[in-house]
Amino acid sequence: PLNWNSLGIPDFVAMANKAIGEFNSLVNQVQKNSSIVDKVVQTIATAKTVVEPPMPKQDQGEIMDLQEFYEFMERTRMETVDELLR
């Protein structure tokens, strides 16, 4: 092991510089990954997983029954999830 008391001070400095460079590279990778994770979290946080169903047209006047409502909600939820997975 090299230290300041050895005669290989240039080798010690070179190894320290190499270790600092590797650490700097690791810090950059962590910062990049952190940025990517933050963007994904923001996308998920702002996603609308529940959408208000369309209102019936004035001339039709009928509202969705429970099965239609469930299918609408499930379809829009799956579309949102699919978008988030891309």
PDB file of N, CA and C in Angstrom:
ATOM      1  N   PRO A   1       0.838  -1.198   0.000  1.00  0.00           N
ATOM      2  CA  PRO A   1       0.000   0.000   0.000  1.00  0.00           C
ATOM      3  C   PRO A   1       0.868   1.242   0.000  1.00  0.00           C
ATOM      4  N   LEU A   2       0.481   2.187  -0.813  1.00  0.00           N
ATOM      5  CA  LEU A   2       1.227   3.425  -0.916  1.00  0.00           C
ATOM      6  C   LEU A   2       0.678   4.446   0.070  1.00  0.00           C
ATOM      7  N   ASN A   3       1.570   5.229   0.632  1.00  0.00           N
ATOM      8  CA  ASN A   3       1.161   6.342   1.474  1.00  0.00           C
ATOM      9  C   ASN A   3       2.169   7.474   1.272  1.00  0.00           C
ATOM     10  N   TRP A   4       1.963   8.572   1.986  1.00  0.00           N
ATOM     11  CA  TRP A   4       2.826   9.740   1.792  1.00  0.00           C
ATOM     12  C   TRP A   4       4.269   9.483   2.194  1.00  0.00           C
ATOM     13  N   ASN A   5       4.498   8.486   3.018  1.00  0.00           N
ATOM     14  CA  ASN A   5       5.860   8.227   3.494  1.00  0.00           C
ATOM     15  C   ASN A   5       6.659   7.331   2.548  1.00  0.00           C
ATOM     16  N   SER A   6       6.012   6.740   1.580  1.00  0.00           N
ATOM     17  CA  SER A   6       6.734   5.866   0.664  1.00  0.00           C
ATOM     18  C   SER A   6       7.454   6.709  -0.387  1.00  0.00           C
ATOM     19  N   LEU A   7       8.329   6.067  -1.098  1.00  0.00           N
ATOM     20  CA  LEU A   7       9.083   6.768  -2.135  1.00  0.00           C
ATOM     21  C   LEU A   7       8.270   6.845  -3.435  1.00  0.00           C
ATOM     22  N   GLY A   8       7.098   6.224  -3.486  1.00  0.00           N
ATOM     23  CA  GLY A   8       6.302   6.202  -4.709  1.00  0.00           C
ATOM     24  C   GLY A   8       5.194   7.248  -4.696  1.00  0.00           C
ATOM     25  N   ILE A   9       5.540   8.471  -4.297  1.00  0.00           N
ATOM     26  CA  ILE A   9       4.533   9.536  -4.231  1.00  0.00           C
ATOM     27  C   ILE A   9       3.873   9.759  -5.592  1.00  0.00           C
ATOM     28  N   PRO A  10       4.577   9.767  -6.705  1.00  0.00           N
ATOM     29  CA  PRO A  10       3.905   9.933  -7.999  1.00  0.00           C
ATOM     30  C   PRO A  10       2.876   8.825  -8.271  1.00  0.00           C
ATOM     31  N   ASP A  11       3.225   7.589  -7.862  1.00  0.00           N
ATOM     32  CA  ASP A  11       2.272   6.489  -8.027  1.00  0.00           C
ATOM     33  C   ASP A  11       1.052   6.706  -7.141  1.00  0.00           C
ATOM     34  N   PHE A  12       1.281   7.157  -5.918  1.00  0.00           N
ATOM     35  CA  PHE A  12       0.178   7.429  -4.989  1.00  0.00           C
ATOM     36  C   PHE A  12      -0.746   8.503  -5.567  1.00  0.00           C
ATOM     37  N   VAL A  13      -0.170   9.569  -6.103  1.00  0.00           N
ATOM     38  CA  VAL A  13      -0.957  10.658  -6.687  1.00  0.00           C
ATOM     39  C   VAL A  13      -1.734  10.147  -7.902  1.00  0.00           C
ATOM     40  N   ALA A  14      -1.095   9.329  -8.734  1.00  0.00           N
ATOM     41  CA  ALA A  14      -1.767   8.785  -9.918  1.00  0.00           C
ATOM     42  C   ALA A  14      -2.939   7.906  -9.503  1.00  0.00           C
ATOM     43  N   MET A  15      -2.766   7.058  -8.494  1.00  0.00           N
ATOM     44  CA  MET A  15      -3.848   6.193  -8.028  1.00  0.00           C
ATOM     45  C   MET A  15      -4.977   7.024  -7.406  1.00  0.00           C
ATOM     46  N   ALA A  16      -4.607   8.067  -6.673  1.00  0.00           N
ATOM     47  CA  ALA A  16      -5.623   8.935  -6.071  1.00  0.00           C
ATOM     48  C   ALA A  16      -6.416   9.656  -7.163  1.00  0.00           C
ATOM     49  N   ASN A  17      -5.729  10.150  -8.167  1.00  0.00           N
ATOM     50  CA  ASN A  17      -6.412  10.816  -9.277  1.00  0.00           C
ATOM     51  C   ASN A  17      -7.339   9.854 -10.017  1.00  0.00           C
ATOM     52  N   LYS A  18      -6.902   8.616 -10.205  1.00  0.00           N
ATOM     53  CA  LYS A  18      -7.739   7.615 -10.857  1.00  0.00           C
ATOM     54  C   LYS A  18      -8.983   7.346 -10.012  1.00  0.00           C
ATOM     55  N   ALA A  19      -8.808   7.197  -8.702  1.00  0.00           N
ATOM     56  CA  ALA A  19      -9.943   6.943  -7.815  1.00  0.00           C
ATOM     57  C   ALA A  19     -10.907   8.128  -7.808  1.00  0.00           C
ATOM     58  N   ILE A  20     -10.377   9.324  -7.843  1.00  0.00           N
ATOM     59  CA  ILE A  20     -11.228  10.529  -7.885  1.00  0.00           C
ATOM     60  C   ILE A  20     -12.012  10.560  -9.200  1.00  0.00           C
ATOM     61  N   GLY A  21     -11.363  10.218 -10.294  1.00  0.00           N
ATOM     62  CA  GLY A  21     -12.046  10.175 -11.589  1.00  0.00           C
ATOM     63  C   GLY A  21     -13.166   9.145 -11.608  1.00  0.00           C
ATOM     64  N   GLU A  22     -12.915   7.963 -11.043  1.00  0.00           N
ATOM     65  CA  GLU A  22     -13.938   6.925 -10.973  1.00  0.00           C
ATOM     66  C   GLU A  22     -15.110   7.384 -10.105  1.00  0.00           C
ATOM     67  N   PHE A  23     -14.797   8.034  -8.988  1.00  0.00           N
ATOM     68  CA  PHE A  23     -15.846   8.528  -8.101  1.00  0.00           C
ATOM     69  C   PHE A  23     -16.671   9.608  -8.810  1.00  0.00           C
ATOM     70  N   ASN A  24     -16.004  10.499  -9.523  1.00  0.00           N
ATOM     71  CA  ASN A  24     -16.699  11.557 -10.266  1.00  0.00           C
ATOM     72  C   ASN A  24     -17.630  10.950 -11.313  1.00  0.00           C
ATOM     73  N   SER A  25     -17.182   9.908 -11.996  1.00  0.00           N
ATOM     74  CA  SER A  25     -18.008   9.215 -12.977  1.00  0.00           C
ATOM     75  C   SER A  25     -19.232   8.598 -12.307  1.00  0.00           C
ATOM     76  N   LEU A  26     -19.044   8.000 -11.152  1.00  0.00           N
ATOM     77  CA  LEU A  26     -20.149   7.399 -10.404  1.00  0.00           C
ATOM     78  C   LEU A  26     -21.161   8.461  -9.969  1.00  0.00           C
ATOM     79  N   VAL A  27     -20.675   9.601  -9.510  1.00  0.00           N
ATOM     80  CA  VAL A  27     -21.563  10.699  -9.107  1.00  0.00           C
ATOM     81  C   VAL A  27     -22.387  11.166 -10.304  1.00  0.00           C
ATOM     82  N   ASN A  28     -21.762  11.298 -11.455  1.00  0.00           N
ATOM     83  CA  ASN A  28     -22.486  11.713 -12.659  1.00  0.00           C
ATOM     84  C   ASN A  28     -23.568  10.708 -13.043  1.00  0.00           C
ATOM     85  N   GLN A  29     -23.263   9.415 -12.939  1.00  0.00           N
ATOM     86  CA  GLN A  29     -24.252   8.382 -13.246  1.00  0.00           C
ATOM     87  C   GLN A  29     -25.426   8.450 -12.278  1.00  0.00           C
ATOM     88  N   VAL A  30     -25.149   8.630 -11.002  1.00  0.00           N
ATOM     89  CA  VAL A  30     -26.210   8.721  -9.995  1.00  0.00           C
ATOM     90  C   VAL A  30     -27.081   9.941 -10.259  1.00  0.00           C
ATOM     91  N   GLN A  31     -26.470  11.072 -10.592  1.00  0.00           N
ATOM     92  CA  GLN A  31     -27.245  12.284 -10.884  1.00  0.00           C
ATOM     93  C   GLN A  31     -28.118  12.090 -12.121  1.00  0.00           C
ATOM     94  N   LYS A  32     -27.595  11.440 -13.142  1.00  0.00           N
ATOM     95  CA  LYS A  32     -28.363  11.181 -14.354  1.00  0.00           C
ATOM     96  C   LYS A  32     -29.546  10.270 -14.037  1.00  0.00           C
ATOM     97  N   ASN A  33     -29.295   9.188 -13.310  1.00  0.00           N
ATOM     98  CA  ASN A  33     -30.372   8.268 -12.944  1.00  0.00           C
ATOM     99  C   ASN A  33     -31.400   8.945 -12.055  1.00  0.00           C
ATOM    100  N   SER A  34     -30.955   9.795 -11.176  1.00  0.00           N
ATOM    101  CA  SER A  34     -31.870  10.533 -10.301  1.00  0.00           C
ATOM    102  C   SER A  34     -32.787  11.424 -11.122  1.00  0.00           C
ATOM    103  N   SER A  35     -32.245  12.056 -12.130  1.00  0.00           N
ATOM    104  CA  SER A  35     -33.040  12.917 -13.007  1.00  0.00           C
ATOM    105  C   SER A  35     -34.084  12.092 -13.759  1.00  0.00           C
ATOM    106  N   ILE A  36     -33.696  10.937 -14.250  1.00  0.00           N
ATOM    107  CA  ILE A  36     -34.625  10.066 -14.970  1.00  0.00           C
ATOM    108  C   ILE A  36     -35.743   9.602 -14.045  1.00  0.00           C
ATOM    109  N   VAL A  37     -35.385   9.180 -12.840  1.00  0.00           N
ATOM    110  CA  VAL A  37     -36.390   8.726 -11.872  1.00  0.00           C
ATOM    111  C   VAL A  37     -37.332   9.869 -11.509  1.00  0.00           C
ATOM    112  N   ASP A  38     -36.795  11.058 -11.338  1.00  0.00           N
ATOM    113  CA  ASP A  38     -37.632  12.218 -10.997  1.00  0.00           C
ATOM    114  C   ASP A  38     -38.645  12.500 -12.103  1.00  0.00           C
ATOM    115  N   LYS A  39     -38.216  12.419 -13.353  1.00  0.00           N
ATOM    116  CA  LYS A  39     -39.139  12.652 -14.472  1.00  0.00           C
ATOM    117  C   LYS A  39     -40.249  11.599 -14.497  1.00  0.00           C
ATOM    118  N   VAL A  40     -39.886  10.349 -14.251  1.00  0.00           N
ATOM    119  CA  VAL A  40     -40.887   9.280 -14.242  1.00  0.00           C
ATOM    120  C   VAL A  40     -41.879   9.488 -13.105  1.00  0.00           C
ATOM    121  N   VAL A  41     -41.381   9.844 -11.934  1.00  0.00           N
ATOM    122  CA  VAL A  41     -42.255  10.079 -10.781  1.00  0.00           C
ATOM    123  C   VAL A  41     -43.198  11.248 -11.068  1.00  0.00           C
ATOM    124  N   GLN A  42     -42.699  12.303 -11.669  1.00  0.00           N
ATOM    125  CA  GLN A  42     -43.546  13.448 -12.006  1.00  0.00           C
ATOM    126  C   GLN A  42     -44.622  13.056 -13.025  1.00  0.00           C
ATOM    127  N   THR A  43     -44.262  12.242 -13.989  1.00  0.00           N
ATOM    128  CA  THR A  43     -45.234  11.778 -14.984  1.00  0.00           C
ATOM    129  C   THR A  43     -46.325  10.957 -14.322  1.00  0.00           C
ATOM    130  N   ILE A  44     -45.942  10.062 -13.431  1.00  0.00           N
ATOM    131  CA  ILE A  44     -46.921   9.238 -12.722  1.00  0.00           C
ATOM    132  C   ILE A  44     -47.793  10.102 -11.820  1.00  0.00           C
ATOM    133  N   ALA A  45     -47.173  11.046 -11.141  1.00  0.00           N
ATOM    134  CA  ALA A  45     -47.916  11.893 -10.200  1.00  0.00           C
ATOM    135  C   ALA A  45     -48.960  12.747 -10.906  1.00  0.00           C
ATOM    136  N   THR A  46     -48.708  13.140 -12.136  1.00  0.00           N
ATOM    137  CA  THR A  46     -49.651  14.015 -12.840  1.00  0.00           C
ATOM    138  C   THR A  46     -50.602  13.249 -13.749  1.00  0.00           C
ATOM    139  N   ALA A  47     -50.466  11.924 -13.809  1.00  0.00           N
ATOM    140  CA  ALA A  47     -51.341  11.128 -14.677  1.00  0.00           C
ATOM    141  C   ALA A  47     -52.758  11.095 -14.100  1.00  0.00           C
ATOM    142  N   LYS A  48     -53.723  11.198 -14.995  1.00  0.00           N
ATOM    143  CA  LYS A  48     -55.128  11.114 -14.589  1.00  0.00           C
ATOM    144  C   LYS A  48     -55.580   9.672 -14.774  1.00  0.00           C
ATOM    145  N   THR A  49     -55.712   8.960 -13.670  1.00  0.00           N
ATOM    146  CA  THR A  49     -56.142   7.567 -13.738  1.00  0.00           C
ATOM    147  C   THR A  49     -57.655   7.442 -13.645  1.00  0.00           C
ATOM    148  N   VAL A  50     -58.309   8.497 -13.190  1.00  0.00           N
ATOM    149  CA  VAL A  50     -59.767   8.509 -13.130  1.00  0.00           C
ATOM    150  C   VAL A  50     -60.245   9.688 -13.958  1.00  0.00           C
ATOM    151  N   VAL A  51     -61.042   9.388 -14.979  1.00  0.00           N
ATOM    152  CA  VAL A  51     -61.551  10.407 -15.885  1.00  0.00           C
ATOM    153  C   VAL A  51     -63.063  10.453 -15.750  1.00  0.00           C
ATOM    154  N   GLU A  52     -63.594  11.653 -15.734  1.00  0.00           N
ATOM    155  CA  GLU A  52     -65.042  11.796 -15.648  1.00  0.00           C
ATOM    156  C   GLU A  52     -65.674  11.241 -16.922  1.00  0.00           C
ATOM    157  N   PRO A  53     -66.689  10.397 -16.782  1.00  0.00           N
ATOM    158  CA  PRO A  53     -67.317   9.827 -17.985  1.00  0.00           C
ATOM    159  C   PRO A  53     -68.039  10.906 -18.782  1.00  0.00           C
ATOM    160  N   PRO A  54     -68.183  10.665 -20.074  1.00  0.00           N
ATOM    161  CA  PRO A  54     -68.864  11.663 -20.903  1.00  0.00           C
ATOM    162  C   PRO A  54     -70.325  11.811 -20.478  1.00  0.00           C
ATOM    163  N   MET A  55     -70.793  13.026 -20.546  1.00  0.00           N
ATOM    164  CA  MET A  55     -72.192  13.292 -20.211  1.00  0.00           C
ATOM    165  C   MET A  55     -73.058  12.908 -21.412  1.00  0.00           C
ATOM    166  N   PRO A  56     -74.274  12.441 -21.150  1.00  0.00           N
ATOM    167  CA  PRO A  56     -75.152  12.073 -22.269  1.00  0.00           C
ATOM    168  C   PRO A  56     -75.536  13.309 -23.074  1.00  0.00           C
ATOM    169  N   LYS A  57     -75.682  13.116 -24.365  1.00  0.00           N
ATOM    170  CA  LYS A  57     -76.106  14.219 -25.231  1.00  0.00           C
ATOM    171  C   LYS A  57     -77.543  14.577 -24.896  1.00  0.00           C
ATOM    172  N   GLN A  58     -77.897  15.807 -25.095  1.00  0.00           N
ATOM    173  CA  GLN A  58     -79.227  16.295 -24.716  1.00  0.00           C
ATOM    174  C   GLN A  58     -80.338  15.499 -25.390  1.00  0.00           C
ATOM    175  N   ASP A  59     -80.145  15.128 -26.636  1.00  0.00           N
ATOM    176  CA  ASP A  59     -81.214  14.413 -27.332  1.00  0.00           C
ATOM    177  C   ASP A  59     -81.294  12.935 -26.947  1.00  0.00           C
ATOM    178  N   GLN A  60     -80.210  12.374 -26.372  1.00  0.00           N
ATOM    179  CA  GLN A  60     -80.225  10.966 -25.988  1.00  0.00           C
ATOM    180  C   GLN A  60     -80.705  10.796 -24.547  1.00  0.00           C
ATOM    181  N   GLY A  61     -80.265  11.635 -23.666  1.00  0.00           N
ATOM    182  CA  GLY A  61     -80.747  11.677 -22.301  1.00  0.00           C
ATOM    183  C   GLY A  61     -80.449  10.485 -21.408  1.00  0.00           C
ATOM    184  N   GLU A  62     -79.888   9.409 -21.908  1.00  0.00           N
ATOM    185  CA  GLU A  62     -79.619   8.245 -21.072  1.00  0.00           C
ATOM    186  C   GLU A  62     -78.198   8.326 -20.520  1.00  0.00           C
ATOM    187  N   ILE A  63     -78.076   7.905 -19.299  1.00  0.00           N
ATOM    188  CA  ILE A  63     -76.747   7.833 -18.698  1.00  0.00           C
ATOM    189  C   ILE A  63     -76.276   6.385 -18.758  1.00  0.00           C
ATOM    190  N   MET A  64     -74.999   6.193 -18.524  1.00  0.00           N
ATOM    191  CA  MET A  64     -74.428   4.843 -18.560  1.00  0.00           C
ATOM    192  C   MET A  64     -75.017   4.004 -17.436  1.00  0.00           C
ATOM    193  N   ASP A  65     -75.208   2.714 -17.735  1.00  0.00           N
ATOM    194  CA  ASP A  65     -75.562   1.821 -16.635  1.00  0.00           C
ATOM    195  C   ASP A  65     -74.264   1.419 -15.939  1.00  0.00           C
ATOM    196  N   LEU A  66     -74.362   0.664 -14.878  1.00  0.00           N
ATOM    197  CA  LEU A  66     -73.192   0.323 -14.065  1.00  0.00           C
ATOM    198  C   LEU A  66     -72.136  -0.425 -14.872  1.00  0.00           C
ATOM    199  N   GLN A  67     -72.545  -1.370 -15.697  1.00  0.00           N
ATOM    200  CA  GLN A  67     -71.598  -2.144 -16.502  1.00  0.00           C
ATOM    201  C   GLN A  67     -70.856  -1.248 -17.488  1.00  0.00           C
ATOM    202  N   GLU A  68     -71.581  -0.360 -18.172  1.00  0.00           N
ATOM    203  CA  GLU A  68     -70.943   0.573 -19.120  1.00  0.00           C
ATOM    204  C   GLU A  68     -69.972   1.497 -18.397  1.00  0.00           C
ATOM    205  N   PHE A  69     -70.391   1.981 -17.213  1.00  0.00           N
ATOM    206  CA  PHE A  69     -69.530   2.852 -16.416  1.00  0.00           C
ATOM    207  C   PHE A  69     -68.249   2.121 -16.025  1.00  0.00           C
ATOM    208  N   TYR A  70     -68.386   0.893 -15.550  1.00  0.00           N
ATOM    209  CA  TYR A  70     -67.223   0.104 -15.160  1.00  0.00           C
ATOM    210  C   TYR A  70     -66.289  -0.096 -16.359  1.00  0.00           C
ATOM    211  N   GLU A  71     -66.844  -0.474 -17.499  1.00  0.00           N
ATOM    212  CA  GLU A  71     -66.025  -0.704 -18.692  1.00  0.00           C
ATOM    213  C   GLU A  71     -65.321   0.574 -19.136  1.00  0.00           C
ATOM    214  N   PHE A  72     -66.026   1.711 -19.065  1.00  0.00           N
ATOM    215  CA  PHE A  72     -65.418   2.992 -19.425  1.00  0.00           C
ATOM    216  C   PHE A  72     -64.245   3.303 -18.489  1.00  0.00           C
ATOM    217  N   MET A  73     -64.481   3.158 -17.181  1.00  0.00           N
ATOM    218  CA  MET A  73     -63.428   3.477 -16.204  1.00  0.00           C
ATOM    219  C   MET A  73     -62.228   2.542 -16.365  1.00  0.00           C
ATOM    220  N   GLU A  74     -62.505   1.262 -16.567  1.00  0.00           N
ATOM    221  CA  GLU A  74     -61.424   0.297 -16.728  1.00  0.00           C
ATOM    222  C   GLU A  74     -60.636   0.569 -18.010  1.00  0.00           C
ATOM    223  N   ARG A  75     -61.312   0.878 -19.091  1.00  0.00           N
ATOM    224  CA  ARG A  75     -60.654   1.166 -20.363  1.00  0.00           C
ATOM    225  C   ARG A  75     -59.758   2.406 -20.245  1.00  0.00           C
ATOM    226  N   THR A  76     -60.276   3.480 -19.650  1.00  0.00           N
ATOM    227  CA  THR A  76     -59.468   4.694 -19.528  1.00  0.00           C
ATOM    228  C   THR A  76     -58.300   4.485 -18.562  1.00  0.00           C
ATOM    229  N   ARG A  77     -58.510   3.702 -17.524  1.00  0.00           N
ATOM    230  CA  ARG A  77     -57.418   3.401 -16.593  1.00  0.00           C
ATOM    231  C   ARG A  77     -56.316   2.627 -17.301  1.00  0.00           C
ATOM    232  N   MET A  78     -56.702   1.614 -18.082  1.00  0.00           N
ATOM    233  CA  MET A  78     -55.712   0.805 -18.805  1.00  0.00           C
ATOM    234  C   MET A  78     -54.974   1.635 -19.853  1.00  0.00           C
ATOM    235  N   GLU A  79     -55.674   2.540 -20.512  1.00  0.00           N
ATOM    236  CA  GLU A  79     -55.016   3.413 -21.493  1.00  0.00           C
ATOM    237  C   GLU A  79     -53.980   4.291 -20.806  1.00  0.00           C
ATOM    238  N   THR A  80     -54.327   4.808 -19.641  1.00  0.00           N
ATOM    239  CA  THR A  80     -53.385   5.650 -18.891  1.00  0.00           C
ATOM    240  C   THR A  80     -52.171   4.849 -18.457  1.00  0.00           C
ATOM    241  N   VAL A  81     -52.409   3.651 -17.941  1.00  0.00           N
ATOM    242  CA  VAL A  81     -51.301   2.796 -17.504  1.00  0.00           C
ATOM    243  C   VAL A  81     -50.413   2.429 -18.693  1.00  0.00           C
ATOM    244  N   ASP A  82     -51.022   2.094 -19.825  1.00  0.00           N
ATOM    245  CA  ASP A  82     -50.240   1.782 -21.021  1.00  0.00           C
ATOM    246  C   ASP A  82     -49.367   2.956 -21.441  1.00  0.00           C
ATOM    247  N   GLU A  83     -49.918   4.161 -21.375  1.00  0.00           N
ATOM    248  CA  GLU A  83     -49.136   5.354 -21.713  1.00  0.00           C
ATOM    249  C   GLU A  83     -47.959   5.536 -20.759  1.00  0.00           C
ATOM    250  N   LEU A  84     -48.198   5.281 -19.484  1.00  0.00           N
ATOM    251  CA  LEU A  84     -47.133   5.431 -18.503  1.00  0.00           C
ATOM    252  C   LEU A  84     -46.031   4.404 -18.697  1.00  0.00           C
ATOM    253  N   LEU A  85     -46.380   3.234 -19.197  1.00  0.00           N
ATOM    254  CA  LEU A  85     -45.385   2.188 -19.390  1.00  0.00           C
ATOM    255  C   LEU A  85     -44.506   2.418 -20.608  1.00  0.00           C
ATOM    256  N   ARG A  86     -44.906   3.315 -21.484  1.00  0.00           N
ATOM    257  CA  ARG A  86     -44.091   3.578 -22.686  1.00  0.00           C
ATOM    258  C   ARG A  86     -42.937   4.482 -22.385  1.00  0.00           C
TER     259      ARG A  86
END
